[in-house]
C-alpha atoms as a PDB file:
ATOM      1  CA  MET A   1     -52.043  92.870 157.107  1.00  0.00           C
ATOM      2  CA  SER A   2     -48.740  91.918 155.465  1.00  0.00           C
ATOM      3  CA  TYR A   3     -46.405  88.970 155.897  1.00  0.00           C
ATOM      4  CA  GLY A   4     -42.827  88.782 154.685  1.00  0.00           C
ATOM      5  CA  GLY A   5     -39.150  88.552 155.492  1.00  0.00           C
ATOM      6  CA  ASN A   6     -36.411  90.704 157.013  1.00  0.00           C
ATOM      7  CA  PHE A   7     -33.143  91.305 155.175  1.00  0.00           C
ATOM      8  CA  PHE A   8     -29.816  92.486 156.584  1.00  0.00           C
ATOM      9  CA  GLY A   9     -30.140  93.358 160.288  1.00  0.00           C
ATOM     10  CA  PRO A  10     -28.010  91.899 163.100  1.00  0.00           C
ATOM     11  CA  ARG A  11     -27.174  88.507 161.622  1.00  0.00           C
ATOM     12  CA  GLY A  12     -24.006  89.572 159.816  1.00  0.00           C
ATOM     13  CA  ASP A  13     -22.576  91.295 162.900  1.00  0.00           C
ATOM     14  CA  ILE A  14     -23.317  88.254 165.068  1.00  0.00           C
ATOM     15  CA  GLU A  15     -21.713  85.912 162.537  1.00  0.00           C
ATOM     16  CA  ASP A  16     -18.561  88.084 162.629  1.00  0.00           C
ATOM     17  CA  ALA A  17     -18.581  87.961 166.445  1.00  0.00           C
ATOM     18  CA  LEU A  18     -18.922  84.171 166.449  1.00  0.00           C
ATOM     19  CA  VAL A  19     -15.921  83.812 164.135  1.00  0.00           C
ATOM     20  CA  ARG A  20     -13.968  86.304 166.256  1.00  0.00           C
ATOM     21  CA  ASP A  21     -14.575  84.224 169.394  1.00  0.00           C
ATOM     22  CA  GLY A  22     -13.732  80.879 167.803  1.00  0.00           C
ATOM     23  CA  TYR A  23     -17.181  79.607 166.815  1.00  0.00           C
ATOM     24  CA  GLY A  24     -16.530  79.430 163.092  1.00  0.00           C
ATOM     25  CA  ASP A  25     -15.612  75.737 162.809  1.00  0.00           C
ATOM     26  CA  ASP A  26     -17.566  73.662 160.309  1.00  0.00           C
ATOM     27  CA  VAL A  27     -18.949  70.273 161.307  1.00  0.00           C
ATOM     28  CA  ALA A  28     -17.187  67.606 159.230  1.00  0.00           C
ATOM     29  CA  PHE A  29     -17.118  63.833 158.956  1.00  0.00           C
ATOM     30  CA  LEU A  30     -14.352  61.937 157.112  1.00  0.00           C
ATOM     31  CA  SER A  31     -13.005  65.225 155.727  1.00  0.00           C
ATOM     32  CA  THR A  32     -16.399  66.119 154.251  1.00  0.00           C
ATOM     33  CA  ILE A  33     -18.091  69.313 155.469  1.00  0.00           C
ATOM     34  CA  ILE A  34     -21.590  68.487 156.686  1.00  0.00           C
ATOM     35  CA  THR A  35     -22.635  71.884 158.065  1.00  0.00           C
ATOM     36  CA  LYS A  36     -20.911  75.225 157.656  1.00  0.00           C
ATOM     37  CA  PHE A  37     -20.705  77.665 160.577  1.00  0.00           C
ATOM     38  CA  PRO A  38     -21.599  80.277 161.499  1.00  0.00           C
ATOM     39  CA  ARG A  39     -25.012  80.099 159.890  1.00  0.00           C
ATOM     40  CA  SER A  40     -28.175  82.156 160.151  1.00  0.00           C
ATOM     41  CA  GLU A  41     -31.701  80.857 159.832  1.00  0.00           C
ATOM     42  CA  SER A  42     -34.588  82.796 158.339  1.00  0.00           C
ATOM     43  CA  ALA A  43     -38.013  83.601 159.763  1.00  0.00           C
ATOM     44  CA  GLY A  44     -41.149  85.400 158.693  1.00  0.00           C
ATOM     45  CA  SER A  45     -42.566  88.570 160.241  1.00  0.00           C
ATOM     46  CA  TRP A  46     -45.928  90.325 160.109  1.00  0.00           C
ATOM     47  CA  LEU A  47     -47.118  93.924 159.935  1.00  0.00           C
ATOM     48  CA  VAL A  48     -50.501  95.537 160.570  1.00  0.00           C
ATOM     49  CA  ALA A  49     -51.075  99.061 159.214  1.00  0.00           C
ATOM     50  CA  ILE A  50     -54.229 101.106 159.896  1.00  0.00           C
ATOM     51  CA  ARG A  51     -54.570 104.137 157.609  1.00  0.00           C
ATOM     52  CA  ARG A  52     -56.832 107.165 157.637  1.00  0.00           C
ATOM     53  CA  ASN A  53     -57.047 109.199 154.454  1.00  0.00           C
ATOM     54  CA  LEU A  54     -56.899 112.981 154.728  1.00  0.00           C
ATOM     55  CA  ASN A  55     -57.250 115.478 151.911  1.00  0.00           C
ATOM     56  CA  GLN A  56     -55.959 113.735 148.800  1.00  0.00           C
ATOM     57  CA  PRO A  57     -53.261 112.619 148.302  1.00  0.00           C
ATOM     58  CA  TYR A  58     -52.256 112.594 151.998  1.00  0.00           C
ATOM     59  CA  ALA A  59     -52.901 110.075 154.766  1.00  0.00           C
ATOM     60  CA  ILE A  60     -51.688 109.085 158.218  1.00  0.00           C
ATOM     61  CA  SER A  61     -51.319 105.526 159.484  1.00  0.00           C
ATOM     62  CA  LEU A  62     -50.198 103.495 162.450  1.00  0.00           C
ATOM     63  CA  HIS A  63     -47.858 100.555 161.868  1.00  0.00           C
ATOM     64  CA  VAL A  64     -47.454  97.732 164.388  1.00  0.00           C
ATOM     65  CA  ALA A  65     -45.159  94.819 163.572  1.00  0.00           C
ATOM     66  CA  ASN A  66     -43.269  91.902 164.959  1.00  0.00           C
ATOM     67  CA  ILE A  67     -39.658  91.461 163.863  1.00  0.00           C
ATOM     68  CA  ASP A  68     -38.034  88.034 163.807  1.00  0.00           C
ATOM     69  CA  PHE A  69     -34.421  87.492 162.796  1.00  0.00           C
ATOM     70  CA  ALA A  70     -34.510  83.858 164.021  1.00  0.00           C
ATOM     71  CA  GLU A  71     -31.214  82.328 165.153  1.00  0.00           C
ATOM     72  CA  THR A  72     -27.554  82.747 164.294  1.00  0.00           C
ATOM     73  CA  VAL A  73     -25.453  79.761 165.387  1.00  0.00           C
ATOM     74  CA  GLY A  74     -21.710  79.167 165.667  1.00  0.00           C
ATOM     75  CA  ASN A  75     -19.683  76.019 166.343  1.00  0.00           C
ATOM     76  CA  LYS A  76     -16.332  75.393 168.030  1.00  0.00           C
ATOM     77  CA  ILE A  77     -14.418  72.208 167.175  1.00  0.00           C
ATOM     78  CA  GLN A  78     -17.097  69.483 167.091  1.00  0.00           C
ATOM     79  CA  PHE A  79     -20.530  70.062 168.615  1.00  0.00           C
ATOM     80  CA  ARG A  80     -19.665  72.952 170.963  1.00  0.00           C
ATOM     81  CA  SER A  81     -22.217  75.405 169.653  1.00  0.00           C
ATOM     82  CA  VAL A  82     -23.656  78.689 170.829  1.00  0.00           C
ATOM     83  CA  GLY A  83     -26.463  80.653 169.231  1.00  0.00           C
ATOM     84  CA  VAL A  84     -28.146  84.032 169.496  1.00  0.00           C
ATOM     85  CA  SER A  85     -31.777  84.717 168.592  1.00  0.00           C
ATOM     86  CA  ASN A  86     -33.033  88.236 167.896  1.00  0.00           C
ATOM     87  CA  ARG A  87     -36.670  89.288 167.960  1.00  0.00           C
ATOM     88  CA  GLY A  88     -38.512  92.534 168.378  1.00  0.00           C
ATOM     89  CA  ARG A  89     -41.502  94.778 167.739  1.00  0.00           C
ATOM     90  CA  LEU A  90     -42.097  98.216 166.302  1.00  0.00           C
ATOM     91  CA  ILE A  91     -44.725 100.930 166.614  1.00  0.00           C
ATOM     92  CA  ALA A  92     -44.644 103.767 164.096  1.00  0.00           C
ATOM     93  CA  PRO A  93     -46.932 106.644 163.057  1.00  0.00           C
ATOM     94  CA  VAL A  94     -46.449 107.262 159.343  1.00  0.00           C
ATOM     95  CA  ALA A  95     -47.415 110.214 157.152  1.00  0.00           C
ATOM     96  CA  SER A  96     -47.820 109.233 153.515  1.00  0.00           C
ATOM     97  CA  THR A  97     -48.796 110.465 150.076  1.00  0.00           C
ATOM     98  CA  SER A  98     -50.096 108.599 147.046  1.00  0.00           C
ATOM     99  CA  MET A  99     -47.956 109.030 143.954  1.00  0.00           C
ATOM    100  CA  TYR A 100     -48.982 107.038 140.869  1.00  0.00           C
ATOM    101  CA  GLY A 101     -52.042 104.829 140.969  1.00  0.00           C
ATOM    102  CA  GLY A 102     -51.821 102.657 144.048  1.00  0.00           C
ATOM    103  CA  LEU A 103     -48.219 103.556 144.801  1.00  0.00           C
ATOM    104  CA  ARG A 104     -47.794 105.228 148.193  1.00  0.00           C
ATOM    105  CA  PHE A 105     -44.723 106.666 149.935  1.00  0.00           C
ATOM    106  CA  GLY A 106     -44.572 107.302 153.676  1.00  0.00           C
ATOM    107  CA  VAL A 107     -42.140 108.193 156.428  1.00  0.00           C
ATOM    108  CA  GLY A 108     -42.265 108.581 160.179  1.00  0.00           C
ATOM    109  CA  PRO A 109     -40.535 108.015 163.528  1.00  0.00           C
ATOM    110  CA  ALA A 110     -40.533 104.486 164.912  1.00  0.00           C
ATOM    111  CA  LEU A 111     -40.094 102.980 168.352  1.00  0.00           C
ATOM    112  CA  TYR A 112     -38.261  99.648 168.266  1.00  0.00           C
ATOM    113  CA  PHE A 113     -38.093  97.004 170.990  1.00  0.00           C
ATOM    114  CA  PHE A 114     -35.477  94.262 170.575  1.00  0.00           C
ATOM    115  CA  GLU A 115     -34.601  91.164 172.560  1.00  0.00           C
ATOM    116  CA  ALA A 116     -31.378  89.184 172.053  1.00  0.00           C
ATOM    117  CA  THR A 117     -31.129  85.775 173.734  1.00  0.00           C
ATOM    118  CA  ALA A 118     -28.203  83.339 173.758  1.00  0.00           C
ATOM    119  CA  TYR A 119     -28.550  79.586 174.108  1.00  0.00           C
ATOM    120  CA  ARG A 120     -26.375  76.477 174.014  1.00  0.00           C
ATOM    121  CA  SER A 121     -28.964  74.392 172.150  1.00  0.00           C
ATOM    122  CA  SER A 122     -32.697  74.424 171.620  1.00  0.00           C
ATOM    123  CA  VAL A 123     -33.225  72.152 174.644  1.00  0.00           C
ATOM    124  CA  GLU A 124     -30.863  73.870 177.078  1.00  0.00           C
ATOM    125  CA  PRO A 125     -31.454  77.065 179.078  1.00  0.00           C
ATOM    126  CA  ALA A 126     -30.780  80.502 177.670  1.00  0.00           C
ATOM    127  CA  GLY A 127     -27.377  81.918 178.471  1.00  0.00           C
ATOM    128  CA  GLY A 128     -28.260  85.579 178.772  1.00  0.00           C
ATOM    129  CA  GLN A 129     -30.721  88.112 177.489  1.00  0.00           C
ATOM    130  CA  TYR A 130     -30.428  91.761 176.465  1.00  0.00           C
ATOM    131  CA  ASN A 131     -33.370  94.082 175.861  1.00  0.00           C
ATOM    132  CA  HIS A 132     -33.110  97.320 173.918  1.00  0.00           C
ATOM    133  CA  THR A 133     -35.531 100.152 173.179  1.00  0.00           C
ATOM    134  CA  ARG A 134     -34.507 102.444 170.338  1.00  0.00           C
ATOM    135  CA  LEU A 135     -36.071 105.462 168.640  1.00  0.00           C
ATOM    136  CA  GLY A 136     -35.465 105.305 164.915  1.00  0.00           C
ATOM    137  CA  ALA A 137     -37.250 105.949 161.641  1.00  0.00           C
ATOM    138  CA  LEU A 138     -39.375 104.082 159.127  1.00  0.00           C
ATOM    139  CA  ILE A 139     -39.570 104.590 155.351  1.00  0.00           C
ATOM    140  CA  ASP A 140     -42.542 102.809 153.789  1.00  0.00           C
ATOM    141  CA  VAL A 141     -43.294 102.164 150.104  1.00  0.00           C
ATOM    142  CA  SER A 142     -46.452 100.240 149.238  1.00  0.00           C
ATOM    143  CA  LEU A 143     -48.452  99.312 146.151  1.00  0.00           C
ATOM    144  CA  GLU A 144     -52.175  98.485 146.257  1.00  0.00           C
ATOM    145  CA  THR A 145     -54.184  96.729 143.553  1.00  0.00           C
ATOM    146  CA  PRO A 146     -56.915  96.886 142.417  1.00  0.00           C
ATOM    147  CA  LEU A 147     -57.846 100.499 143.068  1.00  0.00           C
ATOM    148  CA  HIS A 148     -61.292 101.594 144.188  1.00  0.00           C
ATOM    149  CA  ARG A 149     -62.279  98.170 145.479  1.00  0.00           C
ATOM    150  CA  ARG A 150     -63.171  97.287 149.040  1.00  0.00           C
ATOM    151  CA  PHE A 151     -60.521  94.581 149.286  1.00  0.00           C
ATOM    152  CA  PHE A 152     -57.109  94.654 147.650  1.00  0.00           C
ATOM    153  CA  PHE A 153     -53.687  93.053 147.493  1.00  0.00           C
ATOM    154  CA  GLU A 154     -50.672  95.007 148.659  1.00  0.00           C
ATOM    155  CA  SER A 155     -46.931  94.683 148.322  1.00  0.00           C
ATOM    156  CA  ARG A 156     -44.738  96.580 150.741  1.00  0.00           C
ATOM    157  CA  LEU A 157     -41.100  97.584 151.098  1.00  0.00           C
ATOM    158  CA  GLN A 158     -39.878  99.156 154.334  1.00  0.00           C
ATOM    159  CA  PHE A 159     -36.520 100.563 155.317  1.00  0.00           C
ATOM    160  CA  ARG A 160     -36.277 100.349 159.087  1.00  0.00           C
ATOM    161  CA  LEU A 161     -33.563 102.641 160.419  1.00  0.00           C
ATOM    162  CA  VAL A 162     -32.539 101.629 163.918  1.00  0.00           C
ATOM    163  CA  GLY A 163     -28.789 101.992 164.487  1.00  0.00           C
ATOM    164  CA  SER A 164     -26.391  99.931 166.572  1.00  0.00           C
ATOM    165  CA  VAL A 165     -26.503  98.643 170.141  1.00  0.00           C
ATOM    166  CA  ASP A 166     -24.115  96.564 172.246  1.00  0.00           C
ATOM    167  CA  ASN A 167     -25.149  92.965 172.892  1.00  0.00           C
ATOM    168  CA  GLY A 168     -23.321  90.616 175.233  1.00  0.00           C
ATOM    169  CA  PRO A 169     -21.334  89.213 176.732  1.00  0.00           C
ATOM    170  CA  PHE A 170     -23.324  85.971 176.586  1.00  0.00           C
ATOM    171  CA  THR A 171     -22.502  82.900 178.642  1.00  0.00           C
ATOM    172  CA  ALA A 172     -24.309  79.611 178.011  1.00  0.00           C
ATOM    173  CA  GLN A 173     -23.841  76.539 180.194  1.00  0.00           C
ATOM    174  CA  SER A 174     -23.841  73.018 178.794  1.00  0.00           C
ATOM    175  CA  SER A 175     -22.866  69.489 179.773  1.00  0.00           C
ATOM    176  CA  VAL A 176     -19.461  69.943 178.146  1.00  0.00           C
ATOM    177  CA  GLY A 177     -18.616  73.315 179.664  1.00  0.00           C
ATOM    178  CA  THR A 178     -19.296  77.007 179.340  1.00  0.00           C
ATOM    179  CA  GLU A 179     -19.642  78.737 175.990  1.00  0.00           C
ATOM    180  CA  THR A 180     -18.932  82.483 175.915  1.00  0.00           C
ATOM    181  CA  LEU A 181     -19.615  85.103 173.263  1.00  0.00           C
ATOM    182  CA  ASN A 182     -18.048  88.456 174.068  1.00  0.00           C
ATOM    183  CA  ALA A 183     -19.824  91.790 173.733  1.00  0.00           C
ATOM    184  CA  THR A 184     -20.263  93.092 170.225  1.00  0.00           C
ATOM    185  CA  SER A 185     -21.895  96.040 168.455  1.00  0.00           C
ATOM    186  CA  VAL A 186     -24.958  94.960 166.463  1.00  0.00           C
ATOM    187  CA  ASN A 187     -26.823  97.016 163.864  1.00  0.00           C
ATOM    188  CA  TYR A 188     -30.557  96.280 163.907  1.00  0.00           C
ATOM    189  CA  GLY A 189     -31.347  98.347 160.809  1.00  0.00           C
ATOM    190  CA  HIS A 190     -32.987  96.173 158.165  1.00  0.00           C
ATOM    191  CA  VAL A 191     -35.268  95.938 155.134  1.00  0.00           C
ATOM    192  CA  PHE A 192     -38.725  94.361 155.309  1.00  0.00           C
ATOM    193  CA  LEU A 193     -40.323  93.008 152.118  1.00  0.00           C
ATOM    194  CA  ALA A 194     -43.880  91.666 152.295  1.00  0.00           C
ATOM    195  CA  ILE A 195     -47.170  90.984 150.588  1.00  0.00           C
ATOM    196  CA  GLY A 196     -50.623  91.010 152.106  1.00  0.00           C
ATOM    197  CA  LEU A 197     -54.319  91.796 151.989  1.00  0.00           C
ATOM    198  CA  GLY A 198     -56.129  94.992 152.893  1.00  0.00           C
ATOM    199  CA  GLY A 199     -59.585  96.484 153.076  1.00  0.00           C
ATOM    200  CA  ARG A 200     -61.163  99.932 152.731  1.00  0.00           C
ATOM    201  CA  PHE A 201     -63.907 100.826 155.197  1.00  0.00           C
END
C-alpha cells in the first residue's frame, strides 16, 4: 500500500475559471493582503496494488486507488467565496516488467471515476455536483527495496492519463446571494508520487 500526493490535475483549470468569473479578488485589510485567491489546497491519496509474478521478468497487477485533489477556492470582493472540490477513484490492470534490481515499469488501461462538487463554504450546502467516468491509461514506475525479503519499502511514480471533461455550471446559495461558476473544461490527468510498504507472499 502506498500513500502520497497528486500533482497537476484539475486545480489549475479551476483557478483559471474562478478568475474568469470574477472570483480572483484577494482578501485584504488596511491595504495588506491577508489571503490570495484563487487558492488550491493539497490532500493525500492512497493506492493498493496486488501483483502476481509470471515468468521473469513479467508480472500483472491490479491497482485500486482513491484520488483527492481537495478544494480550489475563489473570492469576489470581500468574503463572497465559492469553491470546488474534486475527488475520485481508479481501477487499473497493469502489465509490468522488472528492469534493474527492484525497478519495475508497467502500463495498462485505467477506469477513472471523478466527482466535482461546488460549495459556498464548508458549513453551507453544496451548490452542484458532476460525476464523470472516463477510460484512460496508467503508466507506473516503482522501486522496491530490499530485494528478496518478505517485506519491503516501495517508492512509486504514476502518470495517470485521463483527458478533459466539462464541469459546471455551478450555483451555490448563501446568505448574501447566489454565487455562480460557469461551465469550464477541466483536465483530470495528473501525476501521483508516493511511498509505501509491501509484502511478498
